Amino acid sequence: DVGCQGQSKYPCLQVTVNLTHSGQKALLHYN
């Protein structure tokens, strides 16, 4: 609310992918 702040937590989703052209493993991000 106005003048009100709270603390929370969110889950960390990790997506591991493989690049086809190089075969390198990397972490995928949305943008």
PDB file of all heavy atoms in Angstrom:
ATOM      1  N   ASP A   1       0.846  -1.184   0.000  1.00  0.00           N
ATOM      2  CA  ASP A   1       0.000   0.000   0.000  1.00  0.00           C
ATOM      3  C   ASP A   1       0.885   1.239   0.000  1.00  0.00           C
ATOM      4  O   ASP A   1       2.106   1.148  -0.117  1.00  0.00           O
ATOM      5  CB  ASP A   1      -0.935   0.010   1.234  1.00  0.00           C
ATOM      6  CG  ASP A   1      -1.990  -1.088   1.170  1.00  0.00           C
ATOM      7  OD1 ASP A   1      -2.487  -1.327   0.046  1.00  0.00           O
ATOM      8  OD2 ASP A   1      -2.296  -1.706   2.206  1.00  0.00           O
ATOM      9  N   VAL A   2       0.228   2.384   0.117  1.00  0.00           N
ATOM     10  CA  VAL A   2       0.979   3.634   0.166  1.00  0.00           C
ATOM     11  C   VAL A   2       1.829   3.675   1.436  1.00  0.00           C
ATOM     12  O   VAL A   2       1.306   3.580   2.552  1.00  0.00           O
ATOM     13  CB  VAL A   2       0.020   4.844   0.115  1.00  0.00           C
ATOM     14  CG1 VAL A   2       0.820   6.143   0.191  1.00  0.00           C
ATOM     15  CG2 VAL A   2      -0.809   4.798  -1.155  1.00  0.00           C
ATOM     16  N   GLY A   3       3.128   3.774   1.268  1.00  0.00           N
ATOM     17  CA  GLY A   3       4.038   3.810   2.406  1.00  0.00           C
ATOM     18  C   GLY A   3       4.269   2.464   3.055  1.00  0.00           C
ATOM     19  O   GLY A   3       4.809   2.400   4.165  1.00  0.00           O
ATOM     20  N   CYS A   4       3.870   1.372   2.373  1.00  0.00           N
ATOM     21  CA  CYS A   4       4.026   0.026   2.928  1.00  0.00           C
ATOM     22  C   CYS A   4       4.904  -0.796   2.004  1.00  0.00           C
ATOM     23  O   CYS A   4       4.637  -0.867   0.790  1.00  0.00           O
ATOM     24  CB  CYS A   4       2.667  -0.636   3.119  1.00  0.00           C
ATOM     25  SG  CYS A   4       2.760  -2.371   3.618  1.00  0.00           S
ATOM     26  N   GLN A   5       5.916  -1.434   2.514  1.00  0.00           N
ATOM     27  CA  GLN A   5       6.794  -2.300   1.763  1.00  0.00           C
ATOM     28  C   GLN A   5       6.976  -3.611   2.517  1.00  0.00           C
ATOM     29  O   GLN A   5       7.002  -3.638   3.751  1.00  0.00           O
ATOM     30  CB  GLN A   5       8.166  -1.650   1.534  1.00  0.00           C
ATOM     31  CG  GLN A   5       8.129  -0.453   0.598  1.00  0.00           C
ATOM     32  CD  GLN A   5       9.508   0.096   0.317  1.00  0.00           C
ATOM     33  OE1 GLN A   5      10.484  -0.312   0.949  1.00  0.00           O
ATOM     34  NE2 GLN A   5       9.596   1.021  -0.630  1.00  0.00           N
ATOM     35  N   GLY A   6       7.060  -4.701   1.728  1.00  0.00           N
ATOM     36  CA  GLY A   6       7.221  -6.014   2.331  1.00  0.00           C
ATOM     37  C   GLY A   6       8.345  -6.786   1.676  1.00  0.00           C
ATOM     38  O   GLY A   6       8.821  -6.450   0.587  1.00  0.00           O
ATOM     39  N   GLN A   7       8.759  -7.861   2.318  1.00  0.00           N
ATOM     40  CA  GLN A   7       9.818  -8.733   1.832  1.00  0.00           C
ATOM     41  C   GLN A   7       9.231 -10.102   1.516  1.00  0.00           C
ATOM     42  O   GLN A   7       8.354 -10.603   2.220  1.00  0.00           O
ATOM     43  CB  GLN A   7      10.931  -8.870   2.873  1.00  0.00           C
ATOM     44  CG  GLN A   7      11.627  -7.564   3.224  1.00  0.00           C
ATOM     45  CD  GLN A   7      12.462  -7.029   2.077  1.00  0.00           C
ATOM     46  OE1 GLN A   7      13.015  -7.809   1.282  1.00  0.00           O
ATOM     47  NE2 GLN A   7      12.563  -5.709   1.997  1.00  0.00           N
ATOM     48  N   SER A   8       9.707 -10.684   0.424  1.00  0.00           N
ATOM     49  CA  SER A   8       9.245 -12.007   0.032  1.00  0.00           C
ATOM     50  C   SER A   8      10.380 -12.727  -0.686  1.00  0.00           C
ATOM     51  O   SER A   8      11.477 -12.185  -0.839  1.00  0.00           O
ATOM     52  CB  SER A   8       8.005 -11.901  -0.873  1.00  0.00           C
ATOM     53  OG  SER A   8       7.529 -13.196  -1.212  1.00  0.00           O
ATOM     54  N   LYS A   9      10.112 -13.951  -1.146  1.00  0.00           N
ATOM     55  CA  LYS A   9      11.083 -14.745  -1.885  1.00  0.00           C
ATOM     56  C   LYS A   9      10.394 -15.412  -3.071  1.00  0.00           C
ATOM     57  O   LYS A   9       9.208 -15.714  -3.027  1.00  0.00           O
ATOM     58  CB  LYS A   9      11.729 -15.805  -0.987  1.00  0.00           C
ATOM     59  CG  LYS A   9      12.660 -15.228   0.083  1.00  0.00           C
ATOM     60  CD  LYS A   9      13.365 -16.338   0.836  1.00  0.00           C
ATOM     61  CE  LYS A   9      14.346 -15.782   1.860  1.00  0.00           C
ATOM     62  NZ  LYS A   9      15.073 -16.865   2.572  1.00  0.00           N
ATOM     63  N   TYR A  10      11.174 -15.628  -4.108  1.00  0.00           N
ATOM     64  CA  TYR A  10      10.648 -16.296  -5.304  1.00  0.00           C
ATOM     65  C   TYR A  10      11.583 -17.451  -5.670  1.00  0.00           C
ATOM     66  O   TYR A  10      12.791 -17.389  -5.429  1.00  0.00           O
ATOM     67  CB  TYR A  10      10.501 -15.320  -6.473  1.00  0.00           C
ATOM     68  CG  TYR A  10      11.794 -14.760  -6.994  1.00  0.00           C
ATOM     69  CD1 TYR A  10      12.493 -15.392  -8.031  1.00  0.00           C
ATOM     70  CD2 TYR A  10      12.338 -13.593  -6.462  1.00  0.00           C
ATOM     71  CE1 TYR A  10      13.676 -14.882  -8.515  1.00  0.00           C
ATOM     72  CE2 TYR A  10      13.524 -13.077  -6.939  1.00  0.00           C
ATOM     73  CZ  TYR A  10      14.188 -13.725  -7.969  1.00  0.00           C
ATOM     74  OH  TYR A  10      15.374 -13.221  -8.450  1.00  0.00           O
ATOM     75  N   PRO A  11      11.036 -18.497  -6.301  1.00  0.00           N
ATOM     76  CA  PRO A  11      11.877 -19.644  -6.683  1.00  0.00           C
ATOM     77  C   PRO A  11      12.753 -19.309  -7.879  1.00  0.00           C
ATOM     78  O   PRO A  11      12.341 -18.586  -8.788  1.00  0.00           O
ATOM     79  CB  PRO A  11      10.853 -20.733  -7.025  1.00  0.00           C
ATOM     80  CG  PRO A  11       9.627 -19.988  -7.417  1.00  0.00           C
ATOM     81  CD  PRO A  11       9.606 -18.726  -6.611  1.00  0.00           C
ATOM     82  N   CYS A  12      13.951 -19.841  -7.871  1.00  0.00           N
ATOM     83  CA  CYS A  12      14.896 -19.604  -8.964  1.00  0.00           C
ATOM     84  C   CYS A  12      14.856 -20.807  -9.907  1.00  0.00           C
ATOM     85  O   CYS A  12      15.316 -21.909  -9.569  1.00  0.00           O
ATOM     86  CB  CYS A  12      16.310 -19.401  -8.405  1.00  0.00           C
ATOM     87  SG  CYS A  12      17.574 -19.129  -9.678  1.00  0.00           S
ATOM     88  N   LEU A  13      14.284 -20.584 -11.093  1.00  0.00           N
ATOM     89  CA  LEU A  13      14.200 -21.643 -12.101  1.00  0.00           C
ATOM     90  C   LEU A  13      15.431 -21.578 -13.001  1.00  0.00           C
ATOM     91  O   LEU A  13      15.743 -20.522 -13.570  1.00  0.00           O
ATOM     92  CB  LEU A  13      12.935 -21.468 -12.943  1.00  0.00           C
ATOM     93  CG  LEU A  13      12.769 -22.411 -14.128  1.00  0.00           C
ATOM     94  CD1 LEU A  13      12.637 -23.859 -13.660  1.00  0.00           C
ATOM     95  CD2 LEU A  13      11.565 -22.011 -14.971  1.00  0.00           C
ATOM     96  N   GLN A  14      16.106 -22.691 -13.135  1.00  0.00           N
ATOM     97  CA  GLN A  14      17.280 -22.780 -13.996  1.00  0.00           C
ATOM     98  C   GLN A  14      17.000 -23.721 -15.154  1.00  0.00           C
ATOM     99  O   GLN A  14      16.482 -24.823 -14.959  1.00  0.00           O
ATOM    100  CB  GLN A  14      18.503 -23.259 -13.216  1.00  0.00           C
ATOM    101  CG  GLN A  14      19.037 -22.250 -12.206  1.00  0.00           C
ATOM    102  CD  GLN A  14      20.298 -22.718 -11.519  1.00  0.00           C
ATOM    103  OE1 GLN A  14      20.642 -23.915 -11.561  1.00  0.00           O
ATOM    104  NE2 GLN A  14      21.021 -21.794 -10.886  1.00  0.00           N
ATOM    105  N   VAL A  15      17.331 -23.263 -16.367  1.00  0.00           N
ATOM    106  CA  VAL A  15      17.144 -24.066 -17.584  1.00  0.00           C
ATOM    107  C   VAL A  15      18.505 -24.185 -18.266  1.00  0.00           C
ATOM    108  O   VAL A  15      19.091 -23.176 -18.690  1.00  0.00           O
ATOM    109  CB  VAL A  15      16.116 -23.419 -18.530  1.00  0.00           C
ATOM    110  CG1 VAL A  15      15.955 -24.264 -19.786  1.00  0.00           C
ATOM    111  CG2 VAL A  15      14.784 -23.223 -17.831  1.00  0.00           C
ATOM    112  N   THR A  16      18.997 -25.407 -18.352  1.00  0.00           N
ATOM    113  CA  THR A  16      20.282 -25.655 -19.006  1.00  0.00           C
ATOM    114  C   THR A  16      20.021 -26.169 -20.415  1.00  0.00           C
ATOM    115  O   THR A  16      19.235 -27.108 -20.619  1.00  0.00           O
ATOM    116  CB  THR A  16      21.103 -26.688 -18.224  1.00  0.00           C
ATOM    117  OG1 THR A  16      21.244 -26.244 -16.863  1.00  0.00           O
ATOM    118  CG2 THR A  16      22.470 -26.857 -18.832  1.00  0.00           C
ATOM    119  N   VAL A  17      20.677 -25.536 -21.406  1.00  0.00           N
ATOM    120  CA  VAL A  17      20.469 -25.898 -22.810  1.00  0.00           C
ATOM    121  C   VAL A  17      21.813 -26.208 -23.453  1.00  0.00           C
ATOM    122  O   VAL A  17      22.882 -25.900 -22.902  1.00  0.00           O
ATOM    123  CB  VAL A  17      19.767 -24.757 -23.581  1.00  0.00           C
ATOM    124  CG1 VAL A  17      18.364 -24.516 -23.049  1.00  0.00           C
ATOM    125  CG2 VAL A  17      20.593 -23.478 -23.526  1.00  0.00           C
ATOM    126  N   ASN A  18      21.720 -26.810 -24.619  1.00  0.00           N
ATOM    127  CA  ASN A  18      22.902 -27.142 -25.410  1.00  0.00           C
ATOM    128  C   ASN A  18      22.823 -26.388 -26.737  1.00  0.00           C
ATOM    129  O   ASN A  18      21.825 -26.478 -27.458  1.00  0.00           O
ATOM    130  CB  ASN A  18      22.966 -28.643 -25.658  1.00  0.00           C
ATOM    131  CG  ASN A  18      24.191 -29.035 -26.460  1.00  0.00           C
ATOM    132  OD1 ASN A  18      25.242 -28.399 -26.354  1.00  0.00           O
ATOM    133  ND2 ASN A  18      24.062 -30.078 -27.281  1.00  0.00           N
ATOM    134  N   LEU A  19      23.871 -25.604 -27.047  1.00  0.00           N
ATOM    135  CA  LEU A  19      23.933 -24.885 -28.316  1.00  0.00           C
ATOM    136  C   LEU A  19      24.232 -25.860 -29.441  1.00  0.00           C
ATOM    137  O   LEU A  19      25.235 -26.586 -29.400  1.00  0.00           O
ATOM    138  CB  LEU A  19      25.007 -23.798 -28.268  1.00  0.00           C
ATOM    139  CG  LEU A  19      24.672 -22.568 -27.405  1.00  0.00           C
ATOM    140  CD1 LEU A  19      25.897 -21.667 -27.297  1.00  0.00           C
ATOM    141  CD2 LEU A  19      23.503 -21.791 -27.999  1.00  0.00           C
ATOM    142  N   THR A  20      23.364 -25.880 -30.454  1.00  0.00           N
ATOM    143  CA  THR A  20      23.486 -26.871 -31.516  1.00  0.00           C
ATOM    144  C   THR A  20      24.744 -26.663 -32.338  1.00  0.00           C
ATOM    145  O   THR A  20      25.421 -27.630 -32.732  1.00  0.00           O
ATOM    146  CB  THR A  20      22.246 -26.825 -32.423  1.00  0.00           C
ATOM    147  OG1 THR A  20      21.070 -26.988 -31.628  1.00  0.00           O
ATOM    148  CG2 THR A  20      22.296 -27.899 -33.485  1.00  0.00           C
ATOM    149  N   HIS A  21      25.086 -25.428 -32.663  1.00  0.00           N
ATOM    150  CA  HIS A  21      26.186 -25.167 -33.585  1.00  0.00           C
ATOM    151  C   HIS A  21      27.549 -25.429 -32.950  1.00  0.00           C
ATOM    152  O   HIS A  21      28.527 -25.722 -33.659  1.00  0.00           O
ATOM    153  CB  HIS A  21      26.134 -23.719 -34.074  1.00  0.00           C
ATOM    154  CG  HIS A  21      26.604 -22.715 -33.071  1.00  0.00           C
ATOM    155  ND1 HIS A  21      25.853 -22.331 -31.981  1.00  0.00           N
ATOM    156  CD2 HIS A  21      27.793 -22.027 -32.978  1.00  0.00           C
ATOM    157  CE1 HIS A  21      26.516 -21.437 -31.282  1.00  0.00           C
ATOM    158  NE2 HIS A  21      27.700 -21.241 -31.843  1.00  0.00           N
ATOM    159  N   SER A  22      27.661 -25.375 -31.621  1.00  0.00           N
ATOM    160  CA  SER A  22      28.955 -25.560 -30.973  1.00  0.00           C
ATOM    161  C   SER A  22      28.963 -26.702 -29.954  1.00  0.00           C
ATOM    162  O   SER A  22      30.032 -27.131 -29.540  1.00  0.00           O
ATOM    163  CB  SER A  22      29.387 -24.269 -30.273  1.00  0.00           C
ATOM    164  OG  SER A  22      28.477 -23.938 -29.240  1.00  0.00           O
ATOM    165  N   GLY A  23      27.787 -27.169 -29.550  1.00  0.00           N
ATOM    166  CA  GLY A  23      27.713 -28.195 -28.538  1.00  0.00           C
ATOM    167  C   GLY A  23      28.045 -27.698 -27.138  1.00  0.00           C
ATOM    168  O   GLY A  23      28.269 -28.511 -26.231  1.00  0.00           O
ATOM    169  N   GLN A  24      28.043 -26.391 -26.940  1.00  0.00           N
ATOM    170  CA  GLN A  24      28.378 -25.813 -25.645  1.00  0.00           C
ATOM    171  C   GLN A  24      27.156 -25.802 -24.736  1.00  0.00           C
ATOM    172  O   GLN A  24      26.033 -25.550 -25.172  1.00  0.00           O
ATOM    173  CB  GLN A  24      28.904 -24.383 -25.832  1.00  0.00           C
ATOM    174  CG  GLN A  24      29.319 -23.679 -24.540  1.00  0.00           C
ATOM    175  CD  GLN A  24      29.773 -22.247 -24.806  1.00  0.00           C
ATOM    176  OE1 GLN A  24      29.736 -21.778 -25.941  1.00  0.00           O
ATOM    177  NE2 GLN A  24      30.202 -21.574 -23.750  1.00  0.00           N
ATOM    178  N   LYS A  25      27.379 -26.077 -23.464  1.00  0.00           N
ATOM    179  CA  LYS A  25      26.299 -26.041 -22.480  1.00  0.00           C
ATOM    180  C   LYS A  25      26.216 -24.634 -21.896  1.00  0.00           C
ATOM    181  O   LYS A  25      27.232 -24.017 -21.572  1.00  0.00           O
ATOM    182  CB  LYS A  25      26.553 -27.063 -21.383  1.00  0.00           C
ATOM    183  CG  LYS A  25      25.429 -27.141 -20.375  1.00  0.00           C
ATOM    184  CD  LYS A  25      25.658 -28.314 -19.422  1.00  0.00           C
ATOM    185  CE  LYS A  25      26.864 -28.046 -18.541  1.00  0.00           C
ATOM    186  NZ  LYS A  25      27.038 -29.095 -17.486  1.00  0.00           N
ATOM    187  N   ALA A  26      24.953 -24.117 -21.753  1.00  0.00           N
ATOM    188  CA  ALA A  26      24.768 -22.748 -21.273  1.00  0.00           C
ATOM    189  C   ALA A  26      23.461 -22.653 -20.507  1.00  0.00           C
ATOM    190  O   ALA A  26      22.569 -23.510 -20.638  1.00  0.00           O
ATOM    191  CB  ALA A  26      24.766 -21.768 -22.450  1.00  0.00           C
ATOM    192  N   LEU A  27      23.351 -21.587 -19.715  1.00  0.00           N
ATOM    193  CA  LEU A  27      22.124 -21.290 -18.991  1.00  0.00           C
ATOM    194  C   LEU A  27      21.222 -20.420 -19.862  1.00  0.00           C
ATOM    195  O   LEU A  27      21.675 -19.427 -20.456  1.00  0.00           O
ATOM    196  CB  LEU A  27      22.432 -20.563 -17.681  1.00  0.00           C
ATOM    197  CG  LEU A  27      23.011 -21.405 -16.540  1.00  0.00           C
ATOM    198  CD1 LEU A  27      23.349 -20.500 -15.345  1.00  0.00           C
ATOM    199  CD2 LEU A  27      22.011 -22.479 -16.125  1.00  0.00           C
ATOM    200  N   LEU A  28      19.973 -20.786 -19.913  1.00  0.00           N
ATOM    201  CA  LEU A  28      19.004 -20.044 -20.725  1.00  0.00           C
ATOM    202  C   LEU A  28      18.306 -19.005 -19.864  1.00  0.00           C
ATOM    203  O   LEU A  28      17.885 -19.287 -18.741  1.00  0.00           O
ATOM    204  CB  LEU A  28      17.986 -21.017 -21.335  1.00  0.00           C
ATOM    205  CG  LEU A  28      16.922 -20.395 -22.237  1.00  0.00           C
ATOM    206  CD1 LEU A  28      17.570 -19.830 -23.504  1.00  0.00           C
ATOM    207  CD2 LEU A  28      15.851 -21.425 -22.603  1.00  0.00           C
ATOM    208  N   HIS A  29      18.167 -17.805 -20.431  1.00  0.00           N
ATOM    209  CA  HIS A  29      17.449 -16.711 -19.781  1.00  0.00           C
ATOM    210  C   HIS A  29      16.331 -16.232 -20.707  1.00  0.00           C
ATOM    211  O   HIS A  29      16.377 -16.443 -21.920  1.00  0.00           O
ATOM    212  CB  HIS A  29      18.396 -15.556 -19.441  1.00  0.00           C
ATOM    213  CG  HIS A  29      19.518 -15.952 -18.541  1.00  0.00           C
ATOM    214  ND1 HIS A  29      19.420 -15.973 -17.167  1.00  0.00           N
ATOM    215  CD2 HIS A  29      20.784 -16.373 -18.819  1.00  0.00           C
ATOM    216  CE1 HIS A  29      20.552 -16.362 -16.634  1.00  0.00           C
ATOM    217  NE2 HIS A  29      21.410 -16.619 -17.623  1.00  0.00           N
ATOM    218  N   TYR A  30      15.376 -15.529 -20.104  1.00  0.00           N
ATOM    219  CA  TYR A  30      14.226 -15.099 -20.902  1.00  0.00           C
ATOM    220  C   TYR A  30      14.609 -13.988 -21.891  1.00  0.00           C
ATOM    221  O   TYR A  30      14.308 -14.080 -23.077  1.00  0.00           O
ATOM    222  CB  TYR A  30      13.106 -14.621 -19.969  1.00  0.00           C
ATOM    223  CG  TYR A  30      11.877 -14.173 -20.711  1.00  0.00           C
ATOM    224  CD1 TYR A  30      11.107 -15.089 -21.430  1.00  0.00           C
ATOM    225  CD2 TYR A  30      11.493 -12.835 -20.709  1.00  0.00           C
ATOM    226  CE1 TYR A  30       9.980 -14.682 -22.126  1.00  0.00           C
ATOM    227  CE2 TYR A  30      10.372 -12.427 -21.398  1.00  0.00           C
ATOM    228  CZ  TYR A  30       9.621 -13.349 -22.104  1.00  0.00           C
ATOM    229  OH  TYR A  30       8.508 -12.939 -22.787  1.00  0.00           O
ATOM    230  N   ASN A  31      15.262 -12.931 -21.435  1.00  0.00           N
ATOM    231  CA  ASN A  31      15.710 -11.846 -22.315  1.00  0.00           C
ATOM    232  C   ASN A  31      16.929 -11.169 -21.688  1.00  0.00           C
ATOM    233  O   ASN A  31      17.508 -11.665 -20.712  1.00  0.00           O
ATOM    234  CB  ASN A  31      14.583 -10.826 -22.570  1.00  0.00           C
ATOM    235  CG  ASN A  31      13.992 -10.285 -21.287  1.00  0.00           C
ATOM    236  OD1 ASN A  31      14.602 -10.389 -20.227  1.00  0.00           O
ATOM    237  ND2 ASN A  31      12.814  -9.693 -21.375  1.00  0.00           N
TER     238      ASN A  31
END
